Protein backbone atom coordinates (compact mmCIF):
# COMPACT_ATOMS: atom_id res chain seq x y z
CA UNK A 1 -10.17 -70.79 -30.76
CA UNK A 2 -6.69 -71.74 -29.82
CA UNK A 3 -5.95 -75.11 -31.38
CA UNK A 4 -2.44 -75.32 -29.95
CA UNK A 5 -3.66 -74.84 -26.38
CA UNK A 6 -6.85 -76.84 -27.03
CA UNK A 7 -9.50 -74.42 -25.85
CA UNK A 8 -12.37 -72.33 -27.16
CA UNK A 9 -13.22 -68.92 -25.76
CA UNK A 10 -16.93 -68.18 -25.72
CA UNK A 11 -17.90 -64.55 -25.93
CA UNK A 12 -20.63 -63.13 -23.71
CA UNK A 13 -22.25 -61.50 -26.75
CA UNK A 14 -23.46 -64.91 -27.93
CA UNK A 15 -25.77 -65.43 -24.95
CA UNK A 16 -26.81 -61.77 -25.02
CA UNK A 17 -27.96 -62.09 -28.63
CA UNK A 18 -29.79 -65.36 -27.94
CA UNK A 19 -31.59 -63.79 -24.97
CA UNK A 20 -32.57 -60.74 -27.00
CA UNK A 21 -33.99 -62.96 -29.77
CA UNK A 22 -36.68 -64.10 -27.34
CA UNK A 23 -38.26 -60.64 -27.32
CA UNK A 24 -37.10 -59.15 -30.61
CA UNK A 25 -36.82 -61.45 -33.62
CA UNK A 26 -34.44 -59.13 -35.49
CA UNK A 27 -31.00 -58.43 -34.09
CA UNK A 28 -28.30 -56.40 -35.79
CA UNK A 29 -24.68 -57.09 -34.92
CA UNK A 30 -22.39 -54.17 -35.67
CA UNK A 31 -18.67 -53.76 -35.31
CA UNK A 32 -15.46 -52.78 -36.99
CA UNK A 33 -14.00 -55.02 -39.70
CA UNK A 34 -12.32 -58.12 -38.25
CA UNK A 35 -13.88 -57.53 -34.82
CA UNK A 36 -15.42 -61.02 -34.66
CA UNK A 37 -19.00 -60.38 -35.84
CA UNK A 38 -19.10 -63.39 -38.18
CA UNK A 39 -17.66 -65.70 -35.53
CA UNK A 40 -20.19 -64.47 -32.97
CA UNK A 41 -23.05 -65.05 -35.44
CA UNK A 42 -21.86 -68.54 -36.27
CA UNK A 43 -21.55 -69.31 -32.55
CA UNK A 44 -25.14 -68.10 -32.02
CA UNK A 45 -26.28 -70.39 -34.83
CA UNK A 46 -24.31 -73.32 -33.47
CA UNK A 47 -25.81 -72.94 -29.99
CA UNK A 48 -29.36 -72.59 -31.28
CA UNK A 49 -28.96 -75.57 -33.63
CA UNK A 50 -27.72 -77.57 -30.63
CA UNK A 51 -31.04 -76.73 -28.94
CA UNK A 52 -32.92 -78.23 -31.87
CA UNK A 53 -33.71 -74.98 -33.69
CA UNK A 54 -33.60 -74.76 -37.48
CA UNK A 55 -30.78 -72.36 -38.30
CA UNK A 56 -30.03 -71.02 -41.76
CA UNK A 57 -26.75 -69.17 -42.31
CA UNK A 58 -26.50 -66.98 -45.40
CA UNK A 59 -23.11 -65.46 -46.15
CA UNK A 60 -23.89 -62.74 -48.68
CA UNK A 61 -20.30 -62.25 -49.80
CA UNK A 62 -20.19 -65.86 -51.03
CA UNK A 63 -23.19 -65.68 -53.38
CA UNK A 64 -24.23 -63.50 -56.34
CA UNK A 65 -27.11 -61.07 -55.72
CA UNK A 66 -29.55 -62.91 -58.02
CA UNK A 67 -28.94 -66.17 -56.12
CA UNK A 68 -29.57 -64.41 -52.80
CA UNK A 69 -32.76 -62.83 -54.15
CA UNK A 70 -34.07 -66.24 -55.26
CA UNK A 71 -33.19 -67.79 -51.89
CA UNK A 72 -34.95 -64.99 -50.02
CA UNK A 73 -38.03 -65.39 -52.26
CA UNK A 74 -38.24 -69.08 -51.34
CA UNK A 75 -37.92 -68.54 -47.60
CA UNK A 76 -41.70 -68.26 -47.01
CA UNK A 77 -41.98 -71.86 -48.23
CA UNK A 78 -39.79 -73.10 -45.37
CA UNK A 79 -42.01 -75.21 -43.15
CA UNK A 80 -40.83 -74.16 -39.71
CA UNK A 81 -42.69 -72.10 -37.14
CA UNK A 82 -39.63 -70.43 -35.69
CA UNK A 83 -36.63 -70.48 -38.03
CA UNK A 84 -33.43 -68.60 -37.29
CA UNK A 85 -31.75 -66.79 -40.17
CA UNK A 86 -28.24 -65.49 -39.74
CA UNK A 87 -27.37 -63.09 -42.53
CA UNK A 88 -23.67 -62.31 -42.58
CA UNK A 89 -22.57 -59.12 -44.35
CA UNK A 90 -26.17 -57.88 -44.70
CA UNK A 91 -24.85 -54.50 -45.83
CA UNK A 92 -23.96 -56.09 -49.18
CA UNK A 93 -27.65 -56.46 -50.08
CA UNK A 94 -29.61 -54.37 -47.63
CA UNK A 95 -32.75 -54.13 -49.79
CA UNK A 96 -33.19 -57.93 -49.86
CA UNK A 97 -32.57 -58.13 -46.11
CA UNK A 98 -35.18 -55.45 -45.46
CA UNK A 99 -37.65 -57.31 -47.68
CA UNK A 100 -36.92 -60.53 -45.78
CA UNK A 101 -37.72 -58.80 -42.49
CA UNK A 102 -40.99 -57.41 -43.90
CA UNK A 103 -41.99 -60.86 -45.17
CA UNK A 104 -41.38 -62.39 -41.76
CA UNK A 105 -43.44 -59.70 -40.05
CA UNK A 106 -46.33 -60.45 -42.42
CA UNK A 107 -45.89 -64.18 -41.84
CA UNK A 108 -45.83 -63.70 -38.07
CA UNK A 109 -48.97 -61.55 -38.15
CA UNK A 110 -50.79 -64.17 -40.24
CA UNK A 111 -49.78 -66.95 -37.86
CA UNK A 112 -51.03 -64.90 -34.91
CA UNK A 113 -54.36 -64.37 -36.64
CA UNK A 114 -53.86 -60.65 -37.30
CA UNK A 115 -54.18 -61.12 -41.04
CA UNK A 116 -57.50 -62.98 -40.98
CA UNK A 117 -60.60 -61.28 -42.23
CA UNK A 118 -63.79 -61.50 -40.21
CA UNK A 119 -67.14 -62.66 -41.71
């Protein structure tokens, strides 16, 4: 963003990530420190929220680990068929992020009927 000139530059990565989310629910954004990863993720969230999607942004560096763990434990109670979670600085608590992904895979399988037992 350039406030003095009054314009916003949109990066092509934003649309690439959104397009990839249609086929793969988990996307990992990697880059060097200060390369713009957090801004790209927030832009993805902003665009998806503008389309009416429920977007949850979790910035791990701003919360203690026990608070993050509790939040992640309560995620399955979120009543939304297709939520978007943007986890910034996932490397700070990789085990909780991996557990979150596993929980969503289980949830997705149950909603597709893969977890139902036959009679």
